[in-house]
Amino acid sequence: MIWSRCTFAVELKTKNIMKPNVGAVDGYLRILFFLATLCYAVLFGGVAASVTAGIGAVLFATAVLMWCPIFSMLGINTSKIY
């Protein structure tokens, strides 16, 4: 998984699409939070669980893409690639 994240970041850099700003530890924590919210949604159900799982899905997407728009707006960069 680390290798795919690194090669994906290199592709982003060469295409100048997005500058990665989510580091490995931050990404793994986001994926862990996504799994926890998914388990919560499956076990308890309801609207609140669905909203929580939706937020977790957004965090999962930012972990996979290694780019967070909120981090970009605030100028935060936890990635060691740049």
PDB file of N, CA and C in Angstrom:
ATOM      1  N   MET A   1       0.829  -1.188   0.000  1.00  0.00           N
ATOM      2  CA  MET A   1       0.000   0.000   0.000  1.00  0.00           C
ATOM      3  C   MET A   1       0.874   1.252   0.000  1.00  0.00           C
ATOM      4  N   ILE A   2       1.966   1.225   0.733  1.00  0.00           N
ATOM      5  CA  ILE A   2       2.826   2.406   0.773  1.00  0.00           C
ATOM      6  C   ILE A   2       3.398   2.674  -0.611  1.00  0.00           C
ATOM      7  N   TRP A   3       3.797   1.593  -1.313  1.00  0.00           N
ATOM      8  CA  TRP A   3       4.374   1.776  -2.641  1.00  0.00           C
ATOM      9  C   TRP A   3       3.362   2.391  -3.598  1.00  0.00           C
ATOM     10  N   SER A   4       2.103   1.948  -3.550  1.00  0.00           N
ATOM     11  CA  SER A   4       1.097   2.505  -4.456  1.00  0.00           C
ATOM     12  C   SER A   4       0.831   3.970  -4.127  1.00  0.00           C
ATOM     13  N   ARG A   5       0.884   4.325  -2.837  1.00  0.00           N
ATOM     14  CA  ARG A   5       0.689   5.728  -2.463  1.00  0.00           C
ATOM     15  C   ARG A   5       1.833   6.583  -3.003  1.00  0.00           C
ATOM     16  N   CYS A   6       3.060   6.046  -2.963  1.00  0.00           N
ATOM     17  CA  CYS A   6       4.220   6.799  -3.440  1.00  0.00           C
ATOM     18  C   CYS A   6       4.176   6.978  -4.957  1.00  0.00           C
ATOM     19  N   THR A   7       3.860   5.918  -5.685  1.00  0.00           N
ATOM     20  CA  THR A   7       3.815   6.030  -7.146  1.00  0.00           C
ATOM     21  C   THR A   7       2.678   6.941  -7.572  1.00  0.00           C
ATOM     22  N   PHE A   8       1.554   6.902  -6.848  1.00  0.00           N
ATOM     23  CA  PHE A   8       0.442   7.785  -7.164  1.00  0.00           C
ATOM     24  C   PHE A   8       0.836   9.237  -6.940  1.00  0.00           C
ATOM     25  N   ALA A   9       1.590   9.498  -5.884  1.00  0.00           N
ATOM     26  CA  ALA A   9       2.042  10.858  -5.599  1.00  0.00           C
ATOM     27  C   ALA A   9       2.998  11.349  -6.683  1.00  0.00           C
ATOM     28  N   VAL A  10       3.837  10.463  -7.195  1.00  0.00           N
ATOM     29  CA  VAL A  10       4.750  10.851  -8.267  1.00  0.00           C
ATOM     30  C   VAL A  10       3.967  11.190  -9.531  1.00  0.00           C
ATOM     31  N   GLU A  11       2.925  10.423  -9.816  1.00  0.00           N
ATOM     32  CA  GLU A  11       2.086  10.717 -10.977  1.00  0.00           C
ATOM     33  C   GLU A  11       1.411  12.081 -10.825  1.00  0.00           C
ATOM     34  N   LEU A  12       0.930  12.379  -9.624  1.00  0.00           N
ATOM     35  CA  LEU A  12       0.299  13.672  -9.392  1.00  0.00           C
ATOM     36  C   LEU A  12       1.293  14.812  -9.583  1.00  0.00           C
ATOM     37  N   LYS A  13       2.519  14.609  -9.120  1.00  0.00           N
ATOM     38  CA  LYS A  13       3.533  15.648  -9.230  1.00  0.00           C
ATOM     39  C   LYS A  13       3.886  15.915 -10.684  1.00  0.00           C
ATOM     40  N   THR A  14       4.022  14.852 -11.485  1.00  0.00           N
ATOM     41  CA  THR A  14       4.408  15.042 -12.881  1.00  0.00           C
ATOM     42  C   THR A  14       3.283  15.673 -13.688  1.00  0.00           C
ATOM     43  N   LYS A  15       2.051  15.422 -13.302  1.00  0.00           N
ATOM     44  CA  LYS A  15       0.914  16.005 -14.022  1.00  0.00           C
ATOM     45  C   LYS A  15       0.499  17.360 -13.450  1.00  0.00           C
ATOM     46  N   ASN A  16       1.055  17.743 -12.312  1.00  0.00           N
ATOM     47  CA  ASN A  16       0.723  19.006 -11.635  1.00  0.00           C
ATOM     48  C   ASN A  16      -0.774  19.154 -11.394  1.00  0.00           C
ATOM     49  N   ILE A  17      -1.415  18.082 -10.982  1.00  0.00           N
ATOM     50  CA  ILE A  17      -2.846  18.129 -10.705  1.00  0.00           C
ATOM     51  C   ILE A  17      -3.088  18.618  -9.279  1.00  0.00           C
ATOM     52  N   MET A  18      -2.569  17.865  -8.324  1.00  0.00           N
ATOM     53  CA  MET A  18      -2.720  18.208  -6.915  1.00  0.00           C
ATOM     54  C   MET A  18      -1.401  17.942  -6.207  1.00  0.00           C
ATOM     55  N   LYS A  19      -1.077  18.786  -5.277  1.00  0.00           N
ATOM     56  CA  LYS A  19       0.131  18.586  -4.480  1.00  0.00           C
ATOM     57  C   LYS A  19      -0.259  17.813  -3.221  1.00  0.00           C
ATOM     58  N   PRO A  20       0.252  16.595  -3.022  1.00  0.00           N
ATOM     59  CA  PRO A  20      -0.131  15.808  -1.847  1.00  0.00           C
ATOM     60  C   PRO A  20       0.186  16.549  -0.548  1.00  0.00           C
ATOM     61  N   ASN A  21      -0.784  16.566   0.367  1.00  0.00           N
ATOM     62  CA  ASN A  21      -0.578  17.229   1.641  1.00  0.00           C
ATOM     63  C   ASN A  21      -1.010  16.360   2.828  1.00  0.00           C
ATOM     64  N   VAL A  22      -1.308  15.081   2.573  1.00  0.00           N
ATOM     65  CA  VAL A  22      -1.680  14.145   3.633  1.00  0.00           C
ATOM     66  C   VAL A  22      -0.570  13.111   3.742  1.00  0.00           C
ATOM     67  N   GLY A  23       0.064  13.053   4.891  1.00  0.00           N
ATOM     68  CA  GLY A  23       1.167  12.129   5.108  1.00  0.00           C
ATOM     69  C   GLY A  23       0.704  10.717   5.389  1.00  0.00           C
ATOM     70  N   ALA A  24       1.646   9.819   5.549  1.00  0.00           N
ATOM     71  CA  ALA A  24       1.343   8.401   5.746  1.00  0.00           C
ATOM     72  C   ALA A  24       0.604   8.159   7.057  1.00  0.00           C
ATOM     73  N   VAL A  25       1.109   8.703   8.145  1.00  0.00           N
ATOM     74  CA  VAL A  25       0.462   8.487   9.450  1.00  0.00           C
ATOM     75  C   VAL A  25      -0.935   9.099   9.440  1.00  0.00           C
ATOM     76  N   ASP A  26      -1.052  10.288   8.914  1.00  0.00           N
ATOM     77  CA  ASP A  26      -2.350  10.949   8.807  1.00  0.00           C
ATOM     78  C   ASP A  26      -3.302  10.128   7.944  1.00  0.00           C
ATOM     79  N   GLY A  27      -2.802   9.593   6.851  1.00  0.00           N
ATOM     80  CA  GLY A  27      -3.626   8.772   5.964  1.00  0.00           C
ATOM     81  C   GLY A  27      -4.101   7.494   6.639  1.00  0.00           C
ATOM     82  N   TYR A  28      -3.191   6.838   7.367  1.00  0.00           N
ATOM     83  CA  TYR A  28      -3.578   5.612   8.060  1.00  0.00           C
ATOM     84  C   TYR A  28      -4.607   5.889   9.150  1.00  0.00           C
ATOM     85  N   LEU A  29      -4.475   7.010   9.833  1.00  0.00           N
ATOM     86  CA  LEU A  29      -5.473   7.371  10.846  1.00  0.00           C
ATOM     87  C   LEU A  29      -6.829   7.655  10.211  1.00  0.00           C
ATOM     88  N   ARG A  30      -6.824   8.270   9.047  1.00  0.00           N
ATOM     89  CA  ARG A  30      -8.080   8.525   8.333  1.00  0.00           C
ATOM     90  C   ARG A  30      -8.746   7.223   7.904  1.00  0.00           C
ATOM     91  N   ILE A  31      -7.950   6.272   7.423  1.00  0.00           N
ATOM     92  CA  ILE A  31      -8.502   4.972   7.023  1.00  0.00           C
ATOM     93  C   ILE A  31      -9.043   4.231   8.240  1.00  0.00           C
ATOM     94  N   LEU A  32      -8.333   4.296   9.356  1.00  0.00           N
ATOM     95  CA  LEU A  32      -8.798   3.664  10.587  1.00  0.00           C
ATOM     96  C   LEU A  32     -10.113   4.282  11.056  1.00  0.00           C
ATOM     97  N   PHE A  33     -10.224   5.603  10.983  1.00  0.00           N
ATOM     98  CA  PHE A  33     -11.465   6.278  11.365  1.00  0.00           C
ATOM     99  C   PHE A  33     -12.599   5.867  10.428  1.00  0.00           C
ATOM    100  N   PHE A  34     -12.300   5.723   9.134  1.00  0.00           N
ATOM    101  CA  PHE A  34     -13.318   5.286   8.178  1.00  0.00           C
ATOM    102  C   PHE A  34     -13.834   3.896   8.544  1.00  0.00           C
ATOM    103  N   LEU A  35     -12.931   2.978   8.861  1.00  0.00           N
ATOM    104  CA  LEU A  35     -13.353   1.622   9.227  1.00  0.00           C
ATOM    105  C   LEU A  35     -14.195   1.626  10.503  1.00  0.00           C
ATOM    106  N   ALA A  36     -13.815   2.471  11.458  1.00  0.00           N
ATOM    107  CA  ALA A  36     -14.585   2.564  12.705  1.00  0.00           C
ATOM    108  C   ALA A  36     -15.986   3.115  12.451  1.00  0.00           C
ATOM    109  N   THR A  37     -16.086   4.133  11.601  1.00  0.00           N
ATOM    110  CA  THR A  37     -17.412   4.699  11.312  1.00  0.00           C
ATOM    111  C   THR A  37     -18.250   3.730  10.493  1.00  0.00           C
ATOM    112  N   LEU A  38     -17.607   2.953   9.625  1.00  0.00           N
ATOM    113  CA  LEU A  38     -18.341   1.956   8.848  1.00  0.00           C
ATOM    114  C   LEU A  38     -18.906   0.867   9.762  1.00  0.00           C
ATOM    115  N   CYS A  39     -18.111   0.418  10.718  1.00  0.00           N
ATOM    116  CA  CYS A  39     -18.595  -0.568  11.693  1.00  0.00           C
ATOM    117  C   CYS A  39     -19.738   0.009  12.521  1.00  0.00           C
ATOM    118  N   TYR A  40     -19.615   1.258  12.919  1.00  0.00           N
ATOM    119  CA  TYR A  40     -20.670   1.918  13.689  1.00  0.00           C
ATOM    120  C   TYR A  40     -21.967   1.966  12.886  1.00  0.00           C
ATOM    121  N   ALA A  41     -21.862   2.310  11.603  1.00  0.00           N
ATOM    122  CA  ALA A  41     -23.046   2.407  10.754  1.00  0.00           C
ATOM    123  C   ALA A  41     -23.707   1.048  10.569  1.00  0.00           C
ATOM    124  N   VAL A  42     -22.907  -0.005  10.418  1.00  0.00           N
ATOM    125  CA  VAL A  42     -23.466  -1.342  10.224  1.00  0.00           C
ATOM    126  C   VAL A  42     -24.128  -1.852  11.500  1.00  0.00           C
ATOM    127  N   LEU A  43     -23.491  -1.601  12.635  1.00  0.00           N
ATOM    128  CA  LEU A  43     -24.018  -2.118  13.896  1.00  0.00           C
ATOM    129  C   LEU A  43     -25.259  -1.378  14.384  1.00  0.00           C
ATOM    130  N   PHE A  44     -25.273  -0.048  14.255  1.00  0.00           N
ATOM    131  CA  PHE A  44     -26.337   0.728  14.865  1.00  0.00           C
ATOM    132  C   PHE A  44     -27.359   1.262  13.869  1.00  0.00           C
ATOM    133  N   GLY A  45     -26.973   1.520  12.644  1.00  0.00           N
ATOM    134  CA  GLY A  45     -27.907   2.018  11.646  1.00  0.00           C
ATOM    135  C   GLY A  45     -28.444   3.398  11.996  1.00  0.00           C
ATOM    136  N   GLY A  46     -29.415   3.836  11.261  1.00  0.00           N
ATOM    137  CA  GLY A  46     -30.026   5.130  11.509  1.00  0.00           C
ATOM    138  C   GLY A  46     -29.361   6.250  10.737  1.00  0.00           C
ATOM    139  N   VAL A  47     -29.966   7.420  10.848  1.00  0.00           N
ATOM    140  CA  VAL A  47     -29.489   8.584  10.107  1.00  0.00           C
ATOM    141  C   VAL A  47     -28.140   9.067  10.627  1.00  0.00           C
ATOM    142  N   ALA A  48     -27.973   9.124  11.937  1.00  0.00           N
ATOM    143  CA  ALA A  48     -26.716   9.606  12.511  1.00  0.00           C
ATOM    144  C   ALA A  48     -25.553   8.707  12.106  1.00  0.00           C
ATOM    145  N   ALA A  49     -25.784   7.405  12.080  1.00  0.00           N
ATOM    146  CA  ALA A  49     -24.725   6.477  11.684  1.00  0.00           C
ATOM    147  C   ALA A  49     -24.389   6.644  10.205  1.00  0.00           C
ATOM    148  N   SER A  50     -25.391   6.902   9.379  1.00  0.00           N
ATOM    149  CA  SER A  50     -25.148   7.102   7.952  1.00  0.00           C
ATOM    150  C   SER A  50     -24.350   8.378   7.702  1.00  0.00           C
ATOM    151  N   VAL A  51     -24.676   9.436   8.433  1.00  0.00           N
ATOM    152  CA  VAL A  51     -23.934  10.692   8.291  1.00  0.00           C
ATOM    153  C   VAL A  51     -22.489  10.492   8.739  1.00  0.00           C
ATOM    154  N   THR A  52     -22.313   9.792   9.845  1.00  0.00           N
ATOM    155  CA  THR A  52     -20.970   9.522  10.341  1.00  0.00           C
ATOM    156  C   THR A  52     -20.178   8.691   9.339  1.00  0.00           C
ATOM    157  N   ALA A  53     -20.806   7.690   8.737  1.00  0.00           N
ATOM    158  CA  ALA A  53     -20.135   6.870   7.723  1.00  0.00           C
ATOM    159  C   ALA A  53     -19.805   7.702   6.488  1.00  0.00           C
ATOM    160  N   GLY A  54     -20.651   8.655   6.147  1.00  0.00           N
ATOM    161  CA  GLY A  54     -20.372   9.551   5.019  1.00  0.00           C
ATOM    162  C   GLY A  54     -19.148  10.410   5.277  1.00  0.00           C
ATOM    163  N   ILE A  55     -19.031  10.922   6.488  1.00  0.00           N
ATOM    164  CA  ILE A  55     -17.849  11.700   6.852  1.00  0.00           C
ATOM    165  C   ILE A  55     -16.609  10.811   6.807  1.00  0.00           C
ATOM    166  N   GLY A  56     -16.748   9.584   7.280  1.00  0.00           N
ATOM    167  CA  GLY A  56     -15.643   8.636   7.220  1.00  0.00           C
ATOM    168  C   GLY A  56     -15.244   8.325   5.783  1.00  0.00           C
ATOM    169  N   ALA A  57     -16.217   8.257   4.879  1.00  0.00           N
ATOM    170  CA  ALA A  57     -15.921   7.992   3.465  1.00  0.00           C
ATOM    171  C   ALA A  57     -15.139   9.145   2.842  1.00  0.00           C
ATOM    172  N   VAL A  58     -15.463  10.367   3.237  1.00  0.00           N
ATOM    173  CA  VAL A  58     -14.710  11.527   2.742  1.00  0.00           C
ATOM    174  C   VAL A  58     -13.269  11.462   3.244  1.00  0.00           C
ATOM    175  N   LEU A  59     -13.095  11.104   4.502  1.00  0.00           N
ATOM    176  CA  LEU A  59     -11.745  10.967   5.043  1.00  0.00           C
ATOM    177  C   LEU A  59     -10.976   9.844   4.350  1.00  0.00           C
ATOM    178  N   PHE A  60     -11.671   8.765   4.002  1.00  0.00           N
ATOM    179  CA  PHE A  60     -11.031   7.671   3.268  1.00  0.00           C
ATOM    180  C   PHE A  60     -10.566   8.150   1.891  1.00  0.00           C
ATOM    181  N   ALA A  61     -11.413   8.911   1.221  1.00  0.00           N
ATOM    182  CA  ALA A  61     -11.040   9.428  -0.100  1.00  0.00           C
ATOM    183  C   ALA A  61      -9.828  10.350  -0.012  1.00  0.00           C
ATOM    184  N   THR A  62      -9.780  11.198   1.005  1.00  0.00           N
ATOM    185  CA  THR A  62      -8.629  12.095   1.152  1.00  0.00           C
ATOM    186  C   THR A  62      -7.366  11.311   1.491  1.00  0.00           C
ATOM    187  N   ALA A  63      -7.508  10.193   2.201  1.00  0.00           N
ATOM    188  CA  ALA A  63      -6.335   9.364   2.518  1.00  0.00           C
ATOM    189  C   ALA A  63      -5.807   8.679   1.263  1.00  0.00           C
ATOM    190  N   VAL A  64      -6.701   8.179   0.427  1.00  0.00           N
ATOM    191  CA  VAL A  64      -6.280   7.484  -0.787  1.00  0.00           C
ATOM    192  C   VAL A  64      -5.669   8.465  -1.787  1.00  0.00           C
ATOM    193  N   LEU A  65      -6.273   9.638  -1.918  1.00  0.00           N
ATOM    194  CA  LEU A  65      -5.758  10.638  -2.852  1.00  0.00           C
ATOM    195  C   LEU A  65      -4.544  11.384  -2.317  1.00  0.00           C
ATOM    196  N   MET A  66      -4.305  11.265  -1.005  1.00  0.00           N
ATOM    197  CA  MET A  66      -3.211  11.980  -0.325  1.00  0.00           C
ATOM    198  C   MET A  66      -3.356  13.494  -0.455  1.00  0.00           C
ATOM    199  N   TRP A  67      -4.561  13.971  -0.613  1.00  0.00           N
ATOM    200  CA  TRP A  67      -4.812  15.397  -0.765  1.00  0.00           C
ATOM    201  C   TRP A  67      -6.099  15.766  -0.046  1.00  0.00           C
ATOM    202  N   CYS A  68      -6.022  16.768   0.798  1.00  0.00           N
ATOM    203  CA  CYS A  68      -7.178  17.243   1.552  1.00  0.00           C
ATOM    204  C   CYS A  68      -7.410  18.710   1.209  1.00  0.00           C
ATOM    205  N   PRO A  69      -8.603  19.048   0.695  1.00  0.00           N
ATOM    206  CA  PRO A  69      -8.850  20.441   0.335  1.00  0.00           C
ATOM    207  C   PRO A  69      -8.826  21.391   1.533  1.00  0.00           C
ATOM    208  N   ILE A  70      -9.220  20.921   2.690  1.00  0.00           N
ATOM    209  CA  ILE A  70      -9.190  21.775   3.882  1.00  0.00           C
ATOM    210  C   ILE A  70      -7.749  22.064   4.276  1.00  0.00           C
ATOM    211  N   PHE A  71      -6.873  21.033   4.193  1.00  0.00           N
ATOM    212  CA  PHE A  71      -5.458  21.252   4.458  1.00  0.00           C
ATOM    213  C   PHE A  71      -4.882  22.271   3.474  1.00  0.00           C
ATOM    214  N   SER A  72      -5.292  22.195   2.213  1.00  0.00           N
ATOM    215  CA  SER A  72      -4.801  23.145   1.205  1.00  0.00           C
ATOM    216  C   SER A  72      -5.210  24.572   1.548  1.00  0.00           C
ATOM    217  N   MET A  73      -6.456  24.754   1.969  1.00  0.00           N
ATOM    218  CA  MET A  73      -6.943  26.097   2.306  1.00  0.00           C
ATOM    219  C   MET A  73      -6.222  26.663   3.526  1.00  0.00           C
ATOM    220  N   LEU A  74      -5.906  25.778   4.496  1.00  0.00           N
ATOM    221  CA  LEU A  74      -5.256  26.226   5.729  1.00  0.00           C
ATOM    222  C   LEU A  74      -3.744  26.226   5.626  1.00  0.00           C
ATOM    223  N   GLY A  75      -3.194  25.701   4.530  1.00  0.00           N
ATOM    224  CA  GLY A  75      -1.743  25.669   4.348  1.00  0.00           C
ATOM    225  C   GLY A  75      -1.036  24.599   5.181  1.00  0.00           C
ATOM    226  N   ILE A  76      -1.765  23.547   5.540  1.00  0.00           N
ATOM    227  CA  ILE A  76      -1.202  22.461   6.338  1.00  0.00           C
ATOM    228  C   ILE A  76      -0.675  21.387   5.394  1.00  0.00           C
ATOM    229  N   ASN A  77       0.488  20.834   5.701  1.00  0.00           N
ATOM    230  CA  ASN A  77       1.070  19.771   4.897  1.00  0.00           C
ATOM    231  C   ASN A  77       1.740  18.763   5.829  1.00  0.00           C
ATOM    232  N   THR A  78       1.174  17.547   5.925  1.00  0.00           N
ATOM    233  CA  THR A  78       1.760  16.510   6.755  1.00  0.00           C
ATOM    234  C   THR A  78       2.542  15.505   5.920  1.00  0.00           C
ATOM    235  N   SER A  79       2.566  15.693   4.606  1.00  0.00           N
ATOM    236  CA  SER A  79       3.273  14.797   3.719  1.00  0.00           C
ATOM    237  C   SER A  79       4.753  15.143   3.678  1.00  0.00           C
ATOM    238  N   LYS A  80       5.600  14.126   3.639  1.00  0.00           N
ATOM    239  CA  LYS A  80       7.042  14.355   3.550  1.00  0.00           C
ATOM    240  C   LYS A  80       7.530  14.300   2.113  1.00  0.00           C
ATOM    241  N   ILE A  81       6.610  14.163   1.174  1.00  0.00           N
ATOM    242  CA  ILE A  81       6.981  14.081  -0.247  1.00  0.00           C
ATOM    243  C   ILE A  81       7.436  15.446  -0.740  1.00  0.00           C
ATOM    244  N   TYR A  82       6.786  16.515  -0.287  1.00  0.00           N
ATOM    245  CA  TYR A  82       7.121  17.870  -0.742  1.00  0.00           C
ATOM    246  C   TYR A  82       7.600  18.697   0.405  1.00  0.00           C
TER     247      TYR A  82
END
